[in-house]
N, C-alpha and C. Protein backbone atom coordinates (compact mmCIF):
# COMPACT_ATOMS: atom_id res chain seq x y z
N MET A 1 137.67 177.06 130.64
CA MET A 1 138.83 176.05 130.73
C MET A 1 140.20 176.67 129.83
N ASN A 2 141.54 175.98 130.42
CA ASN A 2 142.63 176.52 130.49
C ASN A 2 143.37 176.36 128.80
N ASP A 3 143.66 176.94 128.11
CA ASP A 3 144.17 176.55 126.76
C ASP A 3 145.42 175.58 127.19
N CYS A 4 145.46 174.61 126.51
CA CYS A 4 146.93 173.68 126.91
C CYS A 4 148.09 173.97 125.55
N THR A 5 149.45 174.14 125.77
CA THR A 5 150.46 174.04 125.04
C THR A 5 151.39 173.14 124.80
N ILE A 6 151.25 171.89 123.78
CA ILE A 6 152.60 170.97 123.71
C ILE A 6 153.70 171.52 123.45
N ARG A 7 154.58 171.58 124.11
CA ARG A 7 155.89 172.05 124.17
C ARG A 7 157.18 170.53 123.94
N PRO A 8 158.31 170.84 123.96
CA PRO A 8 159.71 169.81 124.08
C PRO A 8 159.88 170.36 125.90
N ALA A 9 160.26 169.41 126.18
CA ALA A 9 160.66 169.25 127.61
C ALA A 9 161.68 170.43 127.91
N ARG A 10 161.96 171.20 128.61
CA ARG A 10 163.41 171.83 128.92
C ARG A 10 163.60 171.65 130.58
N PRO A 11 164.89 172.82 130.53
CA PRO A 11 165.62 172.05 132.24
C PRO A 11 164.12 172.90 132.97
N GLY A 12 164.58 172.49 134.12
CA GLY A 12 163.12 173.26 135.18
C GLY A 12 161.76 172.63 135.10
N ASP A 13 161.91 171.33 134.07
CA ASP A 13 160.22 171.04 134.31
C ASP A 13 160.39 169.90 135.19
N GLN A 14 161.02 169.31 136.03
CA GLN A 14 161.17 168.22 136.60
C GLN A 14 160.15 168.11 137.56
N PRO A 15 160.00 169.29 138.59
CA PRO A 15 159.10 169.36 139.83
C PRO A 15 157.77 169.21 139.23
N GLY A 16 157.31 170.00 138.21
CA GLY A 16 156.30 169.88 137.82
C GLY A 16 156.23 168.60 137.19
N ALA A 17 156.60 167.68 136.67
CA ALA A 17 156.15 166.48 135.68
C ALA A 17 156.18 165.45 136.94
N TYR A 18 157.20 165.27 138.18
CA TYR A 18 157.42 164.76 139.00
C TYR A 18 155.58 164.96 139.56
N TYR A 19 155.03 166.22 139.61
CA TYR A 19 153.61 166.14 140.27
C TYR A 19 152.68 165.62 139.37
N VAL A 20 152.61 165.51 138.07
CA VAL A 20 151.63 165.21 137.35
C VAL A 20 151.61 163.41 137.45
N CYS A 21 152.97 162.73 137.68
CA CYS A 21 153.30 161.34 138.03
C CYS A 21 152.45 161.17 139.33
N LEU A 22 152.62 161.93 140.36
CA LEU A 22 152.03 161.45 141.91
C LEU A 22 150.76 161.62 141.78
N LYS A 23 149.65 162.68 140.81
CA LYS A 23 148.64 162.90 140.87
C LYS A 23 148.07 162.00 139.47
N THR A 24 148.43 161.16 139.05
CA THR A 24 147.84 159.90 138.18
C THR A 24 148.60 158.48 138.80
N GLY A 25 149.34 158.63 140.01
CA GLY A 25 149.97 157.44 140.29
C GLY A 25 149.79 156.44 140.91
N ASP A 26 147.77 156.44 140.70
CA ASP A 26 147.08 155.65 141.97
C ASP A 26 146.25 154.48 140.42
N PHE A 27 147.15 154.08 139.94
CA PHE A 27 146.48 153.34 138.58
C PHE A 27 145.59 154.43 137.62
N GLY A 28 146.02 155.41 137.38
CA GLY A 28 145.51 156.76 136.97
C GLY A 28 145.06 157.89 137.19
N ASN A 29 144.19 156.99 138.53
CA ASN A 29 143.61 158.16 139.57
C ASN A 29 145.07 158.76 140.52
N ASP A 30 144.59 159.86 141.53
CA ASP A 30 145.31 160.67 141.77
C ASP A 30 145.82 160.39 142.92
N GLY A 31 147.43 160.30 143.26
CA GLY A 31 148.48 158.96 144.30
C GLY A 31 148.45 159.66 145.41
N GLU A 32 148.05 161.50 145.40
CA GLU A 32 148.79 161.93 146.30
C GLU A 32 148.81 161.40 147.74
N PRO A 33 147.34 160.58 148.11
CA PRO A 33 146.88 160.45 149.11
C PRO A 33 147.90 158.73 149.84
N PHE A 34 148.51 158.61 148.99
CA PHE A 34 149.10 157.38 148.90
C PHE A 34 150.68 157.60 149.12
N TYR A 35 151.06 158.62 148.64
CA TYR A 35 152.75 159.02 148.78
C TYR A 35 153.05 160.15 149.30
N ARG A 36 152.37 160.37 150.45
CA ARG A 36 152.92 162.07 151.16
C ARG A 36 154.14 161.82 152.02
N GLU A 37 154.58 160.29 152.30
CA GLU A 37 156.11 160.21 152.93
C GLU A 37 156.87 160.74 152.04
N ASP A 38 156.27 160.19 150.81
CA ASP A 38 157.53 160.56 149.76
C ASP A 38 156.94 161.22 148.30
N PRO A 39 156.54 162.50 147.92
CA PRO A 39 155.67 162.24 146.91
C PRO A 39 156.35 162.06 145.72
N ASP A 40 157.57 162.06 145.66
CA ASP A 40 159.13 162.04 144.30
C ASP A 40 158.67 160.72 144.19
N ALA A 41 158.05 159.83 144.63
CA ALA A 41 159.07 158.51 144.58
C ALA A 41 159.00 157.70 143.44
N LEU A 42 157.52 157.73 143.12
CA LEU A 42 157.22 157.17 141.36
C LEU A 42 157.74 158.12 140.21
N GLY A 43 158.16 159.65 140.49
CA GLY A 43 158.70 160.71 139.70
C GLY A 43 159.95 160.02 139.41
N ARG A 44 160.81 159.44 140.52
CA ARG A 44 162.15 159.07 140.40
C ARG A 44 162.39 158.10 139.06
N ILE A 45 161.30 157.16 139.12
CA ILE A 45 161.24 155.96 137.56
C ILE A 45 160.79 156.55 136.74
N PHE A 46 159.45 156.91 136.56
CA PHE A 46 158.76 157.04 135.03
C PHE A 46 159.13 158.45 134.72
N VAL A 47 159.51 159.54 135.19
CA VAL A 47 160.04 161.02 134.71
C VAL A 47 161.04 160.97 135.06
N GLY A 48 162.24 161.07 135.81
CA GLY A 48 163.29 161.52 135.89
C GLY A 48 164.37 161.49 134.77
N PRO A 49 164.18 159.93 134.48
CA PRO A 49 165.63 159.39 133.46
C PRO A 49 164.85 159.49 132.28
N TYR A 50 163.86 160.51 132.33
CA TYR A 50 163.56 160.20 130.32
C TYR A 50 163.58 162.02 130.28
N LEU A 51 163.69 162.45 131.51
CA LEU A 51 164.11 163.95 130.87
C LEU A 51 165.78 163.91 130.75
N ALA A 52 166.32 162.98 131.64
CA ALA A 52 167.57 163.26 131.90
C ALA A 52 168.22 162.46 130.12
N TYR A 53 167.34 161.39 129.89
CA TYR A 53 168.74 160.37 128.94
C TYR A 53 167.87 160.93 127.75
N GLU A 54 166.65 161.17 127.52
CA GLU A 54 165.84 161.12 126.04
C GLU A 54 165.13 162.76 126.13
N PRO A 55 166.06 163.89 126.12
CA PRO A 55 164.94 165.30 126.19
C PRO A 55 164.80 165.20 124.94
N GLU A 56 164.95 164.57 123.74
CA GLU A 56 164.65 165.16 122.58
C GLU A 56 163.54 164.20 122.37
N LEU A 57 162.96 163.28 123.22
CA LEU A 57 161.81 162.59 122.54
C LEU A 57 161.05 162.91 124.42
N SER A 58 161.20 164.01 124.58
CA SER A 58 160.19 164.43 125.88
C SER A 58 159.26 165.44 125.78
N LEU A 59 158.13 165.41 125.87
CA LEU A 59 157.30 166.64 125.59
C LEU A 59 156.43 166.65 126.81
N VAL A 60 155.90 168.10 126.96
CA VAL A 60 155.54 168.82 128.27
C VAL A 60 153.83 169.18 127.32
N LEU A 61 152.98 169.18 128.40
CA LEU A 61 151.68 169.74 128.24
C LEU A 61 151.55 170.74 129.30
N GLU A 62 151.40 172.08 129.21
CA GLU A 62 151.64 173.09 130.11
C GLU A 62 149.98 174.29 129.77
N ASP A 63 149.58 174.57 130.69
CA ASP A 63 148.13 175.76 130.77
C ASP A 63 148.61 176.72 131.97
N GLY A 64 147.71 177.57 132.01
CA GLY A 64 147.88 178.63 132.85
C GLY A 64 148.25 177.94 133.98
N GLU A 65 148.13 177.01 134.55
CA GLU A 65 148.26 176.51 136.06
C GLU A 65 149.69 175.73 136.18
N GLY A 66 149.84 175.53 134.88
CA GLY A 66 151.45 174.62 134.86
C GLY A 66 151.26 173.36 134.17
N ILE A 67 152.49 172.81 134.45
CA ILE A 67 152.58 171.50 133.43
C ILE A 67 151.16 170.76 133.87
N CYS A 68 150.53 170.20 132.93
CA CYS A 68 149.48 169.19 133.31
C CYS A 68 149.43 167.86 132.74
N GLY A 69 150.41 167.86 132.31
CA GLY A 69 150.91 166.22 131.13
C GLY A 69 152.41 166.28 130.78
N TYR A 70 152.39 165.04 130.11
CA TYR A 70 153.75 164.60 129.73
C TYR A 70 153.50 163.61 129.11
N ALA A 71 154.49 163.35 127.98
CA ALA A 71 154.43 162.19 127.09
C ALA A 71 155.97 161.82 126.71
N PHE A 72 156.79 160.95 127.00
CA PHE A 72 158.11 160.54 126.84
C PHE A 72 158.46 159.53 126.13
N GLY A 73 159.81 159.37 125.32
CA GLY A 73 159.61 157.91 124.66
C GLY A 73 161.39 157.82 124.85
N ALA A 74 161.75 156.67 124.41
CA ALA A 74 162.63 156.27 124.46
C ALA A 74 162.94 155.05 122.90
N SER A 75 164.03 155.74 121.96
CA SER A 75 164.26 154.65 121.28
C SER A 75 164.68 153.73 120.60
N ASP A 76 165.42 153.16 121.63
CA ASP A 76 165.92 151.66 122.13
C ASP A 76 166.13 151.45 123.45
N SER A 77 165.03 150.59 123.64
CA SER A 77 164.30 150.35 124.94
C SER A 77 166.23 149.90 125.99
N ARG A 78 166.75 148.87 125.19
CA ARG A 78 167.57 148.00 125.60
C ARG A 78 168.72 149.07 126.30
N ALA A 79 169.34 150.06 125.14
CA ALA A 79 170.11 150.94 125.32
C ALA A 79 169.65 151.63 126.43
N PHE A 80 168.47 152.39 126.30
CA PHE A 80 167.78 153.34 127.83
C PHE A 80 167.87 152.76 129.12
N TYR A 81 167.85 151.20 129.37
CA TYR A 81 167.50 150.53 130.37
C TYR A 81 169.05 150.22 130.84
N ALA A 82 170.02 149.92 129.68
CA ALA A 82 171.47 149.94 130.34
C ALA A 82 171.87 150.70 130.93
N ARG A 83 171.62 152.52 130.52
CA ARG A 83 171.69 153.73 130.92
C ARG A 83 171.38 153.13 132.79
N TYR A 84 170.38 153.42 132.66
CA TYR A 84 169.22 153.57 133.83
C TYR A 84 170.11 152.30 134.71
N GLU A 85 170.37 151.52 134.62
CA GLU A 85 170.94 150.76 135.52
C GLU A 85 172.41 151.10 135.77
N ALA A 86 172.93 151.68 134.91
CA ALA A 86 174.49 152.09 135.24
C ALA A 86 174.74 153.62 135.84
N GLU A 87 173.80 153.95 135.66
CA GLU A 87 174.02 155.63 136.23
C GLU A 87 172.78 155.80 137.06
N TRP A 88 171.27 155.86 136.90
CA TRP A 88 170.61 156.46 137.67
C TRP A 88 170.04 155.32 138.55
N ARG A 89 169.88 154.12 138.53
CA ARG A 89 169.34 153.46 140.06
C ARG A 89 170.61 152.89 141.24
N THR A 90 171.88 153.46 140.47
CA THR A 90 172.81 152.97 141.41
C THR A 90 172.62 154.26 142.64
N GLU A 91 172.32 155.64 142.11
CA GLU A 91 172.30 156.47 143.20
C GLU A 91 171.03 156.24 144.06
N LEU A 92 169.92 156.10 143.16
CA LEU A 92 168.68 155.76 144.24
C LEU A 92 168.39 154.63 144.83
N CYS A 93 169.39 153.58 144.65
CA CYS A 93 169.70 152.63 145.84
C CYS A 93 170.21 152.91 147.09
N ALA A 94 171.23 154.06 146.48
CA ALA A 94 172.59 154.31 147.47
C ALA A 94 171.69 155.25 148.52
N ARG A 95 170.78 155.82 147.98
CA ARG A 95 169.64 156.87 148.72
C ARG A 95 168.44 156.08 149.26
N PHE A 96 168.20 155.08 149.06
CA PHE A 96 166.65 154.44 149.35
C PHE A 96 166.91 153.27 149.80
N PRO A 97 167.12 152.90 150.73
CA PRO A 97 167.40 151.49 151.03
C PRO A 97 166.22 150.62 150.83
N GLU A 98 166.32 149.10 150.72
CA GLU A 98 165.92 148.21 150.37
C GLU A 98 164.84 148.05 151.31
N PRO A 99 163.47 147.96 151.22
CA PRO A 99 162.36 147.53 152.71
C PRO A 99 162.87 146.59 153.43
N GLN A 100 162.39 146.02 154.31
CA GLN A 100 163.06 145.52 155.29
C GLN A 100 161.54 144.37 155.63
N GLY A 101 161.29 143.24 156.10
CA GLY A 101 159.97 142.39 156.79
C GLY A 101 158.94 142.15 155.18
N ASP A 102 157.55 142.41 155.82
CA ASP A 102 156.57 141.66 155.05
C ASP A 102 156.32 142.91 154.07
N PRO A 103 156.16 142.37 152.60
CA PRO A 103 155.94 143.26 152.13
C PRO A 103 154.28 143.80 152.04
N ALA A 104 153.10 142.39 152.67
CA ALA A 104 152.13 143.44 152.86
C ALA A 104 151.75 144.14 153.89
N GLN A 105 152.94 144.46 154.65
CA GLN A 105 153.04 145.92 155.55
C GLN A 105 153.66 146.64 154.68
N TRP A 106 154.03 146.97 153.59
CA TRP A 106 155.05 148.16 153.22
C TRP A 106 153.88 149.00 153.04
N SER A 107 154.35 150.31 152.99
CA SER A 107 153.50 151.72 152.32
C SER A 107 153.70 151.56 150.88
N ARG A 108 153.07 152.57 150.21
CA ARG A 108 153.54 152.37 149.16
C ARG A 108 155.00 152.83 148.67
N ALA A 109 155.10 154.06 149.22
CA ALA A 109 156.85 154.42 148.76
C ALA A 109 157.64 153.18 149.13
N GLN A 110 157.28 152.44 149.96
CA GLN A 110 158.11 151.22 150.20
C GLN A 110 158.67 150.20 149.32
N THR A 111 157.20 150.37 148.57
CA THR A 111 156.99 149.31 147.40
C THR A 111 157.76 150.17 146.16
N VAL A 112 157.62 151.07 145.65
CA VAL A 112 158.27 151.76 145.38
C VAL A 112 160.28 151.53 145.16
N TYR A 113 160.37 151.69 146.41
CA TYR A 113 161.53 151.59 146.96
C TYR A 113 162.03 150.29 146.68
N SER A 114 161.32 149.04 146.60
CA SER A 114 161.81 147.79 145.87
C SER A 114 161.83 147.78 144.70
N TRP A 115 160.99 148.69 144.08
CA TRP A 115 161.22 148.71 142.48
C TRP A 115 162.63 149.00 142.11
N TYR A 116 162.98 149.91 143.00
CA TYR A 116 164.58 150.67 142.62
C TYR A 116 165.43 149.42 142.93
N HIS A 117 165.22 148.51 143.60
CA HIS A 117 166.08 147.66 143.71
C HIS A 117 166.36 146.65 143.08
N HIS A 118 164.87 146.02 142.71
CA HIS A 118 164.77 145.09 141.53
C HIS A 118 163.46 145.88 140.87
N PRO A 119 164.01 146.02 139.33
CA PRO A 119 163.70 146.80 138.50
C PRO A 119 163.17 145.54 137.67
N ASP A 120 162.14 146.33 136.64
CA ASP A 120 161.27 145.11 135.93
C ASP A 120 161.65 146.14 134.45
N TYR A 121 162.54 145.51 133.66
CA TYR A 121 162.89 145.85 132.42
C TYR A 121 162.04 144.99 130.92
N THR A 122 160.87 144.48 131.42
CA THR A 122 160.07 143.64 130.40
C THR A 122 160.61 144.40 128.98
N MET A 123 160.52 143.73 127.98
CA MET A 123 160.90 144.40 126.55
C MET A 123 159.86 143.28 125.96
N PRO A 124 158.81 143.54 125.39
CA PRO A 124 158.05 142.34 124.90
C PRO A 124 158.92 141.87 123.37
N GLU A 125 158.73 140.71 123.02
CA GLU A 125 158.82 140.21 122.05
C GLU A 125 157.93 140.48 120.88
N PRO A 126 158.38 140.26 119.49
CA PRO A 126 159.62 140.21 119.07
C PRO A 126 160.49 141.65 119.00
N TYR A 127 161.34 141.86 120.02
CA TYR A 127 162.05 143.44 120.36
C TYR A 127 162.25 144.17 119.02
N GLU A 128 162.98 143.57 118.16
CA GLU A 128 163.29 144.06 117.05
C GLU A 128 162.21 145.03 116.22
N ASP A 129 161.01 144.79 116.57
CA ASP A 129 159.48 144.67 115.55
C ASP A 129 159.13 146.40 116.73
N TYR A 130 159.44 146.15 117.77
CA TYR A 130 158.75 147.15 118.93
C TYR A 130 160.20 147.73 119.76
N PRO A 131 161.20 148.23 119.39
CA PRO A 131 162.46 148.26 120.34
C PRO A 131 161.96 150.14 121.04
N ALA A 132 161.27 150.73 120.85
CA ALA A 132 161.32 151.79 121.70
C ALA A 132 160.04 151.60 122.57
N HIS A 133 159.91 152.18 123.42
CA HIS A 133 158.74 152.18 124.61
C HIS A 133 158.10 153.88 124.76
N LEU A 134 157.25 154.25 125.10
CA LEU A 134 156.15 155.23 125.34
C LEU A 134 155.96 155.31 126.78
N HIS A 135 155.57 156.62 127.36
CA HIS A 135 155.18 156.83 128.80
C HIS A 135 154.30 157.80 128.64
N ILE A 136 153.08 158.13 128.98
CA ILE A 136 152.18 159.05 128.90
C ILE A 136 151.57 159.54 130.05
N ASP A 137 151.04 160.58 130.90
CA ASP A 137 150.17 161.16 131.79
C ASP A 137 150.05 162.03 131.66
N LEU A 138 148.39 162.65 131.70
CA LEU A 138 147.40 163.48 132.32
C LEU A 138 147.15 163.88 133.22
N LEU A 139 146.93 165.07 134.03
CA LEU A 139 146.18 165.16 134.78
C LEU A 139 144.64 165.33 134.31
N PRO A 140 143.38 165.33 135.32
CA PRO A 140 142.30 165.44 135.03
C PRO A 140 141.59 166.71 133.61
N ARG A 141 142.16 167.46 134.16
CA ARG A 141 142.03 168.91 133.64
C ARG A 141 142.40 168.63 132.28
N ALA A 142 143.77 167.93 131.49
CA ALA A 142 143.63 168.10 130.30
C ALA A 142 143.21 167.00 129.59
N GLN A 143 142.62 165.89 130.34
CA GLN A 143 141.90 164.59 129.56
C GLN A 143 140.58 164.99 129.25
N GLY A 144 140.42 163.84 127.90
CA GLY A 144 139.50 164.05 127.20
C GLY A 144 139.19 165.26 126.01
N ARG A 145 140.37 166.06 125.97
CA ARG A 145 140.44 167.11 124.54
C ARG A 145 141.33 167.25 123.68
N GLY A 146 141.59 165.39 123.64
CA GLY A 146 142.66 164.91 122.62
C GLY A 146 144.10 165.42 122.60
N PHE A 147 144.58 166.11 123.92
CA PHE A 147 145.92 166.11 124.03
C PHE A 147 146.93 164.70 124.11
N GLY A 148 146.91 163.91 124.73
CA GLY A 148 147.30 162.51 124.60
C GLY A 148 147.50 162.11 123.51
N ARG A 149 146.45 162.17 122.79
CA ARG A 149 146.23 161.83 121.46
C ARG A 149 147.63 162.15 120.71
N ARG A 150 147.63 163.41 120.23
CA ARG A 150 148.88 164.21 119.62
C ARG A 150 149.59 164.17 120.22
N MET A 151 149.80 164.04 121.76
CA MET A 151 151.29 164.24 121.96
C MET A 151 151.92 162.20 121.66
N ILE A 152 151.16 161.69 121.78
CA ILE A 152 151.92 160.24 121.67
C ILE A 152 152.02 160.44 120.00
N GLU A 153 151.61 160.62 119.36
CA GLU A 153 151.61 160.85 117.77
C GLU A 153 152.54 161.47 117.32
N GLN A 154 152.68 163.13 117.59
CA GLN A 154 154.31 163.82 117.77
C GLN A 154 155.28 162.94 118.53
N VAL A 155 155.46 162.18 119.51
CA VAL A 155 156.59 161.59 120.17
C VAL A 155 156.80 160.18 118.65
N MET A 156 155.90 159.73 118.17
CA MET A 156 156.05 158.44 117.16
C MET A 156 156.38 159.17 115.97
N ASP A 157 155.56 160.42 115.73
CA ASP A 157 156.65 160.78 114.52
C ASP A 157 157.97 160.86 114.91
N LYS A 158 158.42 161.51 116.04
CA LYS A 158 160.12 161.76 116.36
C LYS A 158 161.04 160.49 116.06
N LEU A 159 159.86 159.38 116.47
CA LEU A 159 160.52 158.11 116.49
C LEU A 159 160.61 157.30 114.86
N ARG A 160 159.60 157.43 114.35
CA ARG A 160 159.33 157.17 112.88
C ARG A 160 160.68 157.91 112.29
N ARG A 161 161.10 159.08 112.32
CA ARG A 161 161.85 160.04 111.54
C ARG A 161 163.35 159.61 112.15
N ARG A 162 163.08 158.96 112.72
CA ARG A 162 164.67 157.99 113.18
C ARG A 162 165.10 156.95 112.86
N GLY A 163 163.93 155.76 111.83
CA GLY A 163 164.19 155.12 111.64
C GLY A 163 163.46 153.97 112.24
N CYS A 164 162.92 154.04 113.12
CA CYS A 164 162.38 153.33 114.58
C CYS A 164 161.06 152.17 113.92
N PRO A 165 161.16 150.54 113.69
CA PRO A 165 159.92 150.28 113.27
C PRO A 165 158.86 150.36 114.14
N GLY A 166 158.58 150.55 115.50
CA GLY A 166 157.57 150.43 116.00
C GLY A 166 157.76 150.71 118.03
N ALA A 167 157.05 150.61 118.58
CA ALA A 167 157.26 150.93 119.55
C ALA A 167 156.19 150.53 121.21
N HIS A 168 156.16 149.61 122.04
CA HIS A 168 155.81 149.10 122.80
C HIS A 168 155.22 150.68 124.36
N LEU A 169 154.39 149.60 125.07
CA LEU A 169 154.62 150.78 126.15
C LEU A 169 153.56 149.48 127.45
N GLY A 170 153.29 149.82 128.46
CA GLY A 170 153.05 149.30 129.59
C GLY A 170 151.89 149.84 129.95
N VAL A 171 150.44 149.00 130.35
CA VAL A 171 149.53 149.54 130.78
C VAL A 171 148.89 148.67 132.20
N SER A 172 148.99 149.27 133.07
CA SER A 172 148.14 148.46 134.68
C SER A 172 147.09 147.59 134.44
N MET A 173 147.10 146.56 134.59
CA MET A 173 145.83 145.78 134.36
C MET A 173 144.42 146.47 135.38
N MET A 174 144.83 147.33 136.16
CA MET A 174 143.77 147.96 136.78
C MET A 174 143.41 149.29 135.92
N ASN A 175 143.87 149.61 134.93
CA ASN A 175 143.46 151.05 134.42
C ASN A 175 142.84 150.81 132.99
N ARG A 176 141.60 149.86 132.80
CA ARG A 176 141.27 149.73 132.12
C ARG A 176 140.84 150.95 130.73
N ARG A 177 140.71 152.34 131.28
CA ARG A 177 140.64 153.51 130.92
C ARG A 177 141.56 153.88 129.58
N ALA A 178 142.92 153.61 130.20
CA ALA A 178 144.23 153.71 129.41
C ALA A 178 143.93 152.57 127.98
N TYR A 179 143.89 151.21 128.64
CA TYR A 179 143.71 150.32 127.66
C TYR A 179 143.08 150.81 126.62
N GLY A 180 141.91 151.14 127.12
CA GLY A 180 141.05 151.25 125.76
C GLY A 180 141.60 152.77 125.13
N PHE A 181 141.84 153.67 125.85
CA PHE A 181 142.77 154.67 124.76
C PHE A 181 143.56 154.03 123.90
N TYR A 182 144.43 153.02 124.54
CA TYR A 182 145.97 152.82 123.52
C TYR A 182 144.92 151.72 122.17
N GLN A 183 144.21 151.25 122.75
CA GLN A 183 143.48 150.32 121.92
C GLN A 183 143.03 151.33 120.09
N HIS A 184 142.50 152.38 120.76
CA HIS A 184 141.75 153.44 119.83
C HIS A 184 142.83 154.19 119.12
N LEU A 185 144.05 153.76 119.75
CA LEU A 185 145.03 154.70 118.89
C LEU A 185 146.03 153.54 117.86
N GLY A 186 145.60 152.53 118.00
CA GLY A 186 146.07 151.41 117.11
C GLY A 186 147.02 150.72 117.97
N PHE A 187 147.35 150.26 119.04
CA PHE A 187 147.88 149.57 119.75
C PHE A 187 147.24 148.14 119.95
N SER A 188 148.29 146.93 119.58
CA SER A 188 147.42 145.97 120.33
C SER A 188 148.60 145.33 121.47
N GLU A 189 147.70 144.39 121.76
CA GLU A 189 148.02 143.45 122.90
C GLU A 189 149.56 142.81 122.44
N LEU A 190 150.56 142.99 123.01
CA LEU A 190 151.53 141.33 122.97
C LEU A 190 152.01 140.99 123.87
N LEU A 191 151.55 141.33 125.01
CA LEU A 191 152.02 140.42 126.20
C LEU A 191 151.51 140.91 127.89
N ARG A 192 150.77 139.58 128.46
CA ARG A 192 150.69 139.85 129.95
C ARG A 192 151.47 139.70 131.12
N ALA A 193 151.92 140.49 131.96
CA ALA A 193 152.62 140.01 132.83
C ALA A 193 151.90 140.17 133.84
N GLY A 194 152.41 138.95 135.24
CA GLY A 194 151.36 138.90 136.38
C GLY A 194 149.69 139.28 136.64
N GLU A 195 149.57 139.53 137.15
CA GLU A 195 147.79 139.75 137.40
C GLU A 195 147.54 140.61 138.96
N GLY A 196 146.45 141.22 138.16
CA GLY A 196 145.64 142.22 139.29
C GLY A 196 146.02 143.82 139.30
N ALA A 197 146.59 143.96 140.54
CA ALA A 197 147.15 145.42 140.83
C ALA A 197 148.84 145.27 140.92
N ASP A 198 149.56 144.00 140.47
CA ASP A 198 150.75 143.88 140.12
C ASP A 198 150.41 143.85 138.43
N GLY A 199 149.73 143.52 137.89
CA GLY A 199 149.83 142.90 136.55
C GLY A 199 149.79 144.21 135.20
N CYS A 200 150.54 143.94 134.42
CA CYS A 200 150.69 144.54 133.40
C CYS A 200 150.72 144.23 132.03
N ILE A 201 149.90 145.04 131.13
CA ILE A 201 149.58 144.65 129.51
C ILE A 201 150.59 145.56 129.02
N TYR A 202 151.17 144.55 127.85
CA TYR A 202 152.41 145.46 126.91
C TYR A 202 151.70 145.09 125.38
N MET A 203 151.60 146.31 125.29
CA MET A 203 150.92 146.68 124.17
C MET A 203 151.73 147.31 122.64
N GLY A 204 151.79 147.28 121.73
CA GLY A 204 152.45 147.43 120.40
C GLY A 204 151.79 148.09 119.19
N LYS A 205 152.58 148.75 118.67
CA LYS A 205 152.27 149.71 117.40
C LYS A 205 153.50 149.83 116.62
N SER A 206 153.04 149.62 115.07
CA SER A 206 154.10 149.41 114.15
C SER A 206 154.13 150.76 113.82
N LEU A 207 155.35 151.27 113.66
CA LEU A 207 155.88 152.47 112.82
C LEU A 207 156.01 152.20 111.63
N ARG A 208 156.19 151.39 111.07
CA ARG A 208 156.46 151.28 109.55
C ARG A 208 155.53 152.05 108.82
N PRO A 209 156.11 152.40 107.70
CA PRO A 209 155.38 152.94 106.22
C PRO A 209 154.50 151.97 106.09
């Protein structure tokens, strides 16, 4: 089993981090079979903006085979999404037209393109208590070894040093394993939105002393 190293993200990490996003892109399972037409579709939302806008809160997990995980944070979700809206999403929408026709007939990539045009900026209340948000994914070879916990804790430590009072994250209702993982780390449920494959559970944790 390869040893893993947690390190700050650096220029050049985007392809490897996008690949992790792809390989965990089916509700935590391998999404590659569903995104063959555009393997980077998910990464453009869930990886790229963090590497670009929050590099100091971006960690990468790496072993001898390459990047096998990441943990990202945004200290002020409203400011992060405002910049995403003004800068990042504009380019996405220009490059990837909104899909037309029956959504039930769309490919997975087309569904993601629809997210480019209709983003979800849900921020659970009370916002003042949980203004930061987190995002983490690990490949199977890095799971169950404590790296996820360590990476989340390191990002939360960085947020705490900035004086951030708390953080939230979203978990697919289809990903029960992730829900249990975050519960174990002390996150509690704040909000449920949607249902089934489209449903998301928002969980929060205080960072106050």
